[in-house]
Protein backbone atom coordinates (compact mmCIF):
# COMPACT_ATOMS: atom_id res chain seq x y z
CA UNK A 1 3.48 0.91 21.84
CA UNK A 2 0.65 3.14 23.04
CA UNK A 3 -2.16 4.12 20.73
CA UNK A 4 -2.46 7.74 19.62
CA UNK A 5 -4.91 9.74 21.77
CA UNK A 6 -7.08 10.54 18.77
CA UNK A 7 -8.14 6.88 18.57
CA UNK A 8 -10.08 7.15 21.82
CA UNK A 9 -11.81 10.43 20.90
CA UNK A 10 -15.47 10.22 19.96
CA UNK A 11 -15.97 10.74 16.23
CA UNK A 12 -18.81 13.08 17.22
CA UNK A 13 -16.16 15.40 18.73
CA UNK A 14 -14.12 15.76 15.52
CA UNK A 15 -17.01 15.70 13.05
CA UNK A 16 -18.03 19.33 13.78
CA UNK A 17 -14.46 20.43 12.96
CA UNK A 18 -14.69 18.76 9.54
CA UNK A 19 -18.03 20.47 8.89
CA UNK A 20 -16.74 23.85 10.12
CA UNK A 21 -13.66 23.62 7.89
CA UNK A 22 -15.83 22.91 4.85
CA UNK A 23 -18.46 25.54 5.63
CA UNK A 24 -15.80 28.18 6.24
CA UNK A 25 -14.80 27.68 2.60
CA UNK A 26 -18.37 27.78 1.27
CA UNK A 27 -18.96 24.03 1.17
CA UNK A 28 -21.79 22.18 2.89
CA UNK A 29 -22.36 19.68 5.68
CA UNK A 30 -24.08 17.49 3.09
CA UNK A 31 -20.85 17.35 1.06
CA UNK A 32 -18.87 16.39 4.18
CA UNK A 33 -21.42 13.66 4.88
CA UNK A 34 -21.23 12.42 1.28
CA UNK A 35 -17.45 12.08 1.62
CA UNK A 36 -17.74 10.23 4.94
CA UNK A 37 -20.41 7.91 3.51
CA UNK A 38 -18.25 7.22 0.43
CA UNK A 39 -15.18 6.41 2.54
CA UNK A 40 -16.87 4.29 5.21
CA UNK A 41 -19.98 2.85 3.58
CA UNK A 42 -22.19 4.41 6.26
CA UNK A 43 -25.74 5.48 5.47
CA UNK A 44 -27.27 8.60 6.98
CA UNK A 45 -28.96 6.41 9.60
CA UNK A 46 -25.93 4.34 10.59
CA UNK A 47 -23.75 7.46 10.69
CA UNK A 48 -26.25 9.25 12.95
CA UNK A 49 -26.22 6.20 15.23
CA UNK A 50 -22.41 6.31 15.46
CA UNK A 51 -22.50 10.00 16.38
CA UNK A 52 -25.27 9.48 18.93
CA UNK A 53 -23.53 6.48 20.52
CA UNK A 54 -20.25 8.40 20.98
CA UNK A 55 -18.29 5.80 19.02
CA UNK A 56 -14.55 6.41 19.26
CA UNK A 57 -12.56 7.03 16.10
CA UNK A 58 -10.75 3.69 16.19
CA UNK A 59 -14.04 1.78 16.44
CA UNK A 60 -15.73 4.08 13.90
CA UNK A 61 -13.26 3.06 11.20
CA UNK A 62 -12.78 -0.56 12.36
CA UNK A 63 -16.52 -1.27 12.25
CA UNK A 64 -17.37 0.83 9.19
CA UNK A 65 -19.91 -1.01 7.03
CA UNK A 66 -17.67 -1.06 3.94
CA UNK A 67 -14.47 0.93 3.64
CA UNK A 68 -14.36 2.03 0.01
CA UNK A 69 -11.99 -0.11 -2.07
CA UNK A 70 -11.02 3.01 -4.07
CA UNK A 71 -9.60 4.72 -0.97
CA UNK A 72 -6.18 3.53 -2.08
CA UNK A 73 -6.41 6.08 -4.90
CA UNK A 74 -6.18 8.88 -2.31
CA UNK A 75 -2.66 10.29 -2.52
CA UNK A 76 -0.95 13.34 -1.15
CA UNK A 77 0.26 15.01 2.00
CA UNK A 78 -1.70 15.85 5.13
CA UNK A 79 0.07 17.47 8.08
CA UNK A 80 3.41 16.75 6.43
CA UNK A 81 2.67 13.02 6.09
CA UNK A 82 2.08 11.16 2.81
CA UNK A 83 -1.25 9.40 3.32
CA UNK A 84 -0.32 6.47 1.12
CA UNK A 85 2.77 5.77 3.27
CA UNK A 86 0.95 5.55 6.61
CA UNK A 87 1.27 1.91 7.63
CA UNK A 88 -1.16 1.66 10.55
CA UNK A 89 -4.68 1.08 9.22
CA UNK A 90 -6.66 3.34 11.56
CA UNK A 91 -4.25 6.26 11.19
CA UNK A 92 -4.33 5.83 7.41
CA UNK A 93 -8.15 5.98 7.46
CA UNK A 94 -7.99 9.16 9.54
CA UNK A 95 -5.50 10.69 7.12
CA UNK A 96 -7.64 9.66 4.14
CA UNK A 97 -10.60 11.50 5.61
CA UNK A 98 -8.44 14.52 6.46
CA UNK A 99 -7.16 14.61 2.88
CA UNK A 100 -10.66 14.37 1.39
CA UNK A 101 -11.96 17.18 3.62
CA UNK A 102 -8.92 19.31 2.71
CA UNK A 103 -9.70 18.80 -0.98
CA UNK A 104 -13.32 19.78 -0.38
CA UNK A 105 -12.27 22.93 1.47
CA UNK A 106 -9.93 23.84 -1.40
CA UNK A 107 -12.85 23.81 -3.82
CA UNK A 108 -12.30 20.53 -5.62
CA UNK A 109 -15.42 18.99 -7.18
CA UNK A 110 -16.97 16.24 -5.08
CA UNK A 111 -16.91 13.84 -8.06
CA UNK A 112 -13.14 14.23 -8.27
CA UNK A 113 -12.71 13.98 -4.49
CA UNK A 114 -14.57 10.66 -4.53
CA UNK A 115 -12.28 9.35 -7.25
CA UNK A 116 -15.25 8.40 -9.40
CA UNK A 117 -14.36 6.92 -12.81
CA UNK A 118 -16.44 9.58 -14.61
CA UNK A 119 -14.22 12.31 -13.13
CA UNK A 120 -11.00 10.79 -14.50
């Protein structure tokens, strides 16, 4: 089975689309970064390195410092697909991020997006 084309795309190519989607709805780049850091465990420095190095999406998620253990709490539909039902790990991580950015663009509070216990 061949890998989806998106796996070989540089994360730096899709990142601006996430930022643009958020900013179009009055949200900030900093909020997008906070979501990415929460999901992947990246710091501002390690994330900047990944963007600068042109790391592909598959590697970006596979080598993330610490995928958040609470990511399993992310539920819902993105592009007609239930994120919690995606079996392949990399595609699920992509869908998780898509879902979080969608929630941000729809105006949901960052604390709720990040599934923090205080927001429950």
